[in-house]
């Protein structure tokens, strides 16, 4: 199940209960999120809704509305929101290392500058604490070959190769699954839902007789989910990948079948 951040959860909950179009001002007033952030988050909200099979209507001078919503039609969206809220409650960052990882994830997902004041408010900590964390975050980013930029009046932004950004997101999710003791629940959900994308991927892996431990399978599914989410939000890997050394391997054929399956199932292109 997809995991949403705090702003996405609040905006989606407001859109669900709204009976008509709502403006960015309405959303900002109701959720307490500043108006500029709301406008930025609506790009992610639209992608989330699309991935779950919903359509966000946007009209100038009117605002936003989820198309054709009803109690039954929104069940999948509500399930995703509930799951994300449970995750936030159980693994809300409190330790310095957890806070640093959370900030890394938020900056990458935002894909733009984010003010320290907004991060402090979201994490319920002081601005000075955020400033201290930034020093350690810069060191961590070097391991992923990424750079943290600071711009006056704009805030913080992470720049670098898309593949490395995905590694940060994968590490964050995988670590939190272990800490929250939801590791096996995560895997079980994929084995029971035969219509899920992940079930289809697991089926292809089994067909080729590839053996993976639970941890390796979980890590692979997390990486796959992150990649799909990033592609749906138009974040592509542009650096050419050298596949010559693996083209004759069994795993390469598994990957090729998985790509074909995902492209047909999700109507997306995974060539980058």
Protein backbone atom coordinates (compact mmCIF):
# COMPACT_ATOMS: atom_id res chain seq x y z
CA UNK A 1 0.00 0.00 0.00
CA UNK A 2 1.23 3.48 -0.87
CA UNK A 3 2.42 5.65 2.03
CA UNK A 4 1.37 9.30 2.09
CA UNK A 5 2.97 12.23 3.88
CA UNK A 6 1.13 14.43 6.38
CA UNK A 7 0.16 17.16 3.90
CA UNK A 8 -1.12 14.66 1.32
CA UNK A 9 -3.25 12.96 3.98
CA UNK A 10 -4.84 16.22 5.15
CA UNK A 11 -5.53 17.48 1.61
CA UNK A 12 -7.05 14.18 0.49
CA UNK A 13 -9.26 13.97 3.59
CA UNK A 14 -10.57 17.48 2.88
CA UNK A 15 -11.22 16.66 -0.79
CA UNK A 16 -13.16 13.54 0.21
CA UNK A 17 -15.60 15.39 2.48
CA UNK A 18 -16.02 18.42 0.19
CA UNK A 19 -19.25 18.35 -1.81
CA UNK A 20 -18.09 20.87 -4.45
CA UNK A 21 -14.96 22.44 -5.89
CA UNK A 22 -12.51 23.77 -3.28
CA UNK A 23 -9.81 26.36 -3.89
CA UNK A 24 -6.22 26.24 -2.64
CA UNK A 25 -7.27 28.94 -0.16
CA UNK A 26 -10.11 26.72 1.15
CA UNK A 27 -7.71 23.80 1.53
CA UNK A 28 -5.08 25.94 3.24
CA UNK A 29 -7.64 27.37 5.69
CA UNK A 30 -9.10 23.96 6.54
CA UNK A 31 -5.82 22.07 6.90
CA UNK A 32 -3.45 24.73 8.25
CA UNK A 33 -1.01 24.10 5.38
CA UNK A 34 0.26 27.31 3.81
CA UNK A 35 -1.22 28.15 0.41
CA UNK A 36 1.99 27.86 -1.57
CA UNK A 37 2.66 24.40 -0.14
CA UNK A 38 -0.91 23.36 -1.00
CA UNK A 39 -0.39 24.30 -4.63
CA UNK A 40 2.90 22.36 -4.71
CA UNK A 41 1.34 19.31 -3.03
CA UNK A 42 -1.58 19.19 -5.49
CA UNK A 43 0.81 17.81 -8.12
CA UNK A 44 1.52 14.84 -5.85
CA UNK A 45 -2.15 14.52 -4.85
CA UNK A 46 -3.18 14.30 -8.50
CA UNK A 47 -0.60 11.56 -9.16
CA UNK A 48 -1.69 9.63 -6.07
CA UNK A 49 -5.34 9.75 -7.11
CA UNK A 50 -4.48 8.68 -10.65
CA UNK A 51 -2.48 5.70 -9.41
CA UNK A 52 -5.42 4.61 -7.24
CA UNK A 53 -7.85 4.95 -10.18
CA UNK A 54 -9.36 8.36 -9.41
CA UNK A 55 -9.37 11.62 -11.34
CA UNK A 56 -8.77 15.05 -9.83
CA UNK A 57 -10.66 17.78 -11.68
CA UNK A 58 -8.98 21.18 -11.66
CA UNK A 59 -10.79 24.31 -12.88
CA UNK A 60 -9.52 27.86 -12.95
CA UNK A 61 -11.36 30.13 -10.47
CA UNK A 62 -13.16 27.09 -9.00
CA UNK A 63 -10.46 24.85 -7.59
CA UNK A 64 -10.26 21.08 -7.17
CA UNK A 65 -12.67 18.16 -6.85
CA UNK A 66 -12.41 14.36 -7.04
CA UNK A 67 -14.47 13.23 -10.01
CA UNK A 68 -17.48 10.94 -9.46
CA UNK A 69 -16.77 10.21 -5.84
CA UNK A 70 -19.08 8.15 -3.63
CA UNK A 71 -18.68 6.22 -0.40
CA UNK A 72 -18.06 2.95 -2.24
CA UNK A 73 -15.84 4.39 -4.96
CA UNK A 74 -13.51 6.00 -2.42
CA UNK A 75 -12.91 2.87 -0.34
CA UNK A 76 -9.43 2.25 -1.81
CA UNK A 77 -8.41 5.85 -1.18
CA UNK A 78 -9.69 5.76 2.41
CA UNK A 79 -7.81 2.50 2.99
CA UNK A 80 -4.59 4.15 1.79
CA UNK A 81 -5.16 7.17 4.04
CA UNK A 82 -5.85 4.97 7.09
CA UNK A 83 -2.72 2.90 6.43
CA UNK A 84 -0.58 6.04 6.10
CA UNK A 85 -1.99 7.51 9.33
CA UNK A 86 -1.24 4.27 11.19
CA UNK A 87 2.29 4.33 9.83
CA UNK A 88 2.81 7.93 10.91
CA UNK A 89 1.54 7.18 14.42
CA UNK A 90 3.73 4.12 14.86
CA UNK A 91 6.96 5.45 13.32
CA UNK A 92 6.70 9.22 13.79
CA UNK A 93 10.33 10.37 13.95
CA UNK A 94 11.63 11.29 17.38
CA UNK A 95 15.29 10.22 17.41
CA UNK A 96 17.85 12.41 15.58
CA UNK A 97 18.58 9.68 12.99
CA UNK A 98 14.84 9.21 12.33
CA UNK A 99 14.30 12.95 11.91
CA UNK A 100 17.21 13.22 9.50
CA UNK A 101 15.87 10.32 7.40
CA UNK A 102 12.41 11.87 7.38
CA UNK A 103 13.76 15.24 6.20
CA UNK A 104 15.70 13.52 3.41
CA UNK A 105 12.54 11.75 2.25
CA UNK A 106 10.39 14.89 2.36
CA UNK A 107 12.87 16.98 0.39
CA UNK A 108 13.21 14.34 -2.32
CA UNK A 109 9.45 13.80 -2.59
CA UNK A 110 8.81 17.55 -2.72
CA UNK A 111 11.36 17.82 -5.56
CA UNK A 112 11.61 21.55 -4.92
CA UNK A 113 12.78 23.98 -2.26
CA UNK A 114 11.17 23.55 1.15
CA UNK A 115 11.47 26.04 4.00
CA UNK A 116 12.96 24.98 7.32
CA UNK A 117 9.99 26.55 9.13
CA UNK A 118 7.62 24.21 7.26
CA UNK A 119 9.73 21.17 8.14
CA UNK A 120 9.92 22.26 11.79
CA UNK A 121 6.14 22.67 11.96
CA UNK A 122 5.56 19.29 10.34
CA UNK A 123 7.91 17.51 12.74
CA UNK A 124 6.83 19.54 15.79
CA UNK A 125 10.41 20.59 16.52
CA UNK A 126 12.25 23.93 16.58
CA UNK A 127 13.91 25.60 13.63
CA UNK A 128 17.24 25.47 15.44
CA UNK A 129 16.93 21.68 15.74
CA UNK A 130 16.36 21.45 11.98
CA UNK A 131 19.46 23.59 11.42
CA UNK A 132 21.57 21.18 13.49
CA UNK A 133 20.20 18.19 11.58
CA UNK A 134 21.17 19.79 8.26
CA UNK A 135 24.89 19.31 9.01
CA UNK A 136 24.47 15.54 9.41
CA UNK A 137 22.13 15.35 6.41
CA UNK A 138 24.82 16.88 4.17
CA UNK A 139 27.22 14.13 5.27
CA UNK A 140 24.62 11.43 4.63
CA UNK A 141 23.88 12.77 1.16
CA UNK A 142 27.54 12.37 0.18
CA UNK A 143 27.08 8.59 0.53
CA UNK A 144 24.34 8.78 -2.10
CA UNK A 145 26.27 11.27 -4.26
CA UNK A 146 23.54 13.89 -3.74
CA UNK A 147 23.80 17.57 -2.77
CA UNK A 148 21.72 19.65 -0.36
CA UNK A 149 21.25 23.19 -1.62
CA UNK A 150 20.22 26.11 0.61
CA UNK A 151 18.76 29.25 -0.94
CA UNK A 152 17.72 32.36 1.03
CA UNK A 153 13.92 32.87 1.14
CA UNK A 154 13.40 29.51 -0.59
CA UNK A 155 14.79 26.91 1.78
CA UNK A 156 16.32 23.50 1.15
CA UNK A 157 16.48 21.35 -1.96
CA UNK A 158 18.20 18.04 -2.80
CA UNK A 159 19.79 17.75 -6.24
CA UNK A 160 21.50 14.87 -8.02
CA UNK A 161 20.90 11.71 -10.02
CA UNK A 162 17.35 10.30 -9.91
CA UNK A 163 18.62 6.75 -9.30
CA UNK A 164 20.37 7.91 -6.12
CA UNK A 165 17.24 9.75 -4.93
CA UNK A 166 15.31 6.50 -5.26
CA UNK A 167 17.93 4.74 -3.11
CA UNK A 168 17.27 7.22 -0.27
CA UNK A 169 13.50 6.62 -0.49
CA UNK A 170 13.98 2.82 -0.57
CA UNK A 171 16.26 2.85 2.46
CA UNK A 172 13.79 5.03 4.39
CA UNK A 173 10.79 2.77 3.70
CA UNK A 174 12.65 -0.50 4.28
CA UNK A 175 14.10 0.72 7.59
CA UNK A 176 10.69 1.89 8.81
CA UNK A 177 9.04 -1.41 7.91
CA UNK A 178 11.50 -3.18 10.20
CA UNK A 179 11.21 -0.64 13.00
CA UNK A 180 7.42 -0.69 12.97
CA UNK A 181 7.34 -4.53 12.98
CA UNK A 182 5.12 -4.46 9.88
CA UNK A 183 7.64 -6.26 7.67
CA UNK A 184 5.68 -9.52 7.34
CA UNK A 185 2.31 -7.75 7.16
CA UNK A 186 3.74 -5.87 4.19
CA UNK A 187 4.65 -9.11 2.41
CA UNK A 188 1.45 -10.94 3.39
CA UNK A 189 -0.69 -8.22 1.82
CA UNK A 190 0.91 -8.96 -1.56
CA UNK A 191 0.51 -12.72 -1.37
CA UNK A 192 -3.20 -12.53 -0.55
CA UNK A 193 -4.36 -9.99 -3.14
CA UNK A 194 -4.12 -11.81 -6.48
CA UNK A 195 -5.15 -8.67 -8.37
CA UNK A 196 -2.30 -6.57 -7.01
CA UNK A 197 0.63 -5.50 -9.15
CA UNK A 198 3.03 -6.98 -6.59
CA UNK A 199 1.35 -10.41 -6.73
CA UNK A 200 1.87 -10.45 -10.50
CA UNK A 201 5.54 -9.56 -10.05
CA UNK A 202 6.03 -12.29 -7.43
CA UNK A 203 4.36 -14.78 -9.80
CA UNK A 204 6.90 -13.95 -12.55
CA UNK A 205 9.79 -14.40 -10.10
CA UNK A 206 8.43 -17.83 -9.11
CA UNK A 207 7.99 -18.84 -12.77
CA UNK A 208 11.70 -18.41 -13.40
CA UNK A 209 12.64 -20.25 -10.21
CA UNK A 210 14.50 -17.30 -8.70
CA UNK A 211 15.04 -17.80 -4.96
CA UNK A 212 14.78 -14.70 -2.76
CA UNK A 213 14.79 -14.43 1.03
CA UNK A 214 11.91 -12.53 2.63
CA UNK A 215 14.18 -9.55 3.19
CA UNK A 216 15.46 -9.57 -0.40
CA UNK A 217 11.91 -9.88 -1.77
CA UNK A 218 10.67 -7.06 0.47
CA UNK A 219 13.62 -4.88 -0.55
CA UNK A 220 12.92 -5.58 -4.22
CA UNK A 221 9.20 -4.78 -3.94
CA UNK A 222 9.95 -1.56 -2.06
CA UNK A 223 12.43 -0.53 -4.77
CA UNK A 224 9.90 -1.37 -7.47
CA UNK A 225 7.13 0.61 -5.76
CA UNK A 226 9.39 3.64 -5.33
CA UNK A 227 10.44 3.49 -8.99
CA UNK A 228 6.82 3.29 -10.19
CA UNK A 229 5.77 6.20 -7.96
CA UNK A 230 8.67 8.34 -9.18
CA UNK A 231 7.92 7.56 -12.83
CA UNK A 232 4.23 8.37 -12.37
CA UNK A 233 5.35 11.75 -11.01
CA UNK A 234 7.57 12.23 -14.09
CA UNK A 235 10.93 11.73 -12.38
CA UNK A 236 13.05 9.68 -14.78
CA UNK A 237 16.55 8.19 -14.77
CA UNK A 238 18.28 9.91 -17.67
CA UNK A 239 21.78 8.44 -17.24
CA UNK A 240 22.27 5.46 -19.65
CA UNK A 241 22.61 2.11 -17.87
CA UNK A 242 25.14 -0.52 -19.06
CA UNK A 243 23.17 -3.79 -19.27
CA UNK A 244 25.66 -5.75 -21.38
CA UNK A 245 27.10 -7.71 -18.45
CA UNK A 246 23.71 -9.09 -17.35
CA UNK A 247 21.87 -9.64 -20.64
CA UNK A 248 22.57 -13.39 -20.64
CA UNK A 249 21.56 -13.88 -16.98
CA UNK A 250 18.30 -15.50 -15.90
CA UNK A 251 17.53 -12.46 -13.75
CA UNK A 252 17.63 -10.21 -16.82
CA UNK A 253 14.83 -12.23 -18.45
CA UNK A 254 12.86 -12.01 -15.18
CA UNK A 255 13.30 -8.23 -15.20
CA UNK A 256 12.23 -8.01 -18.86
CA UNK A 257 9.01 -9.93 -18.15
CA UNK A 258 8.31 -7.78 -15.10
CA UNK A 259 8.75 -4.60 -17.16
CA UNK A 260 6.35 -5.90 -19.84
CA UNK A 261 3.82 -6.89 -17.18
CA UNK A 262 3.98 -3.51 -15.42
CA UNK A 263 3.72 -1.51 -18.63
CA UNK A 264 0.56 -3.41 -19.59
CA UNK A 265 -0.92 -3.36 -16.08
CA UNK A 266 -0.23 0.30 -15.29
CA UNK A 267 -0.13 1.81 -18.79
CA UNK A 268 3.27 3.37 -18.19
CA UNK A 269 6.70 3.21 -19.84
CA UNK A 270 9.59 1.82 -17.80
CA UNK A 271 12.35 2.26 -20.33
CA UNK A 272 14.07 4.87 -18.13
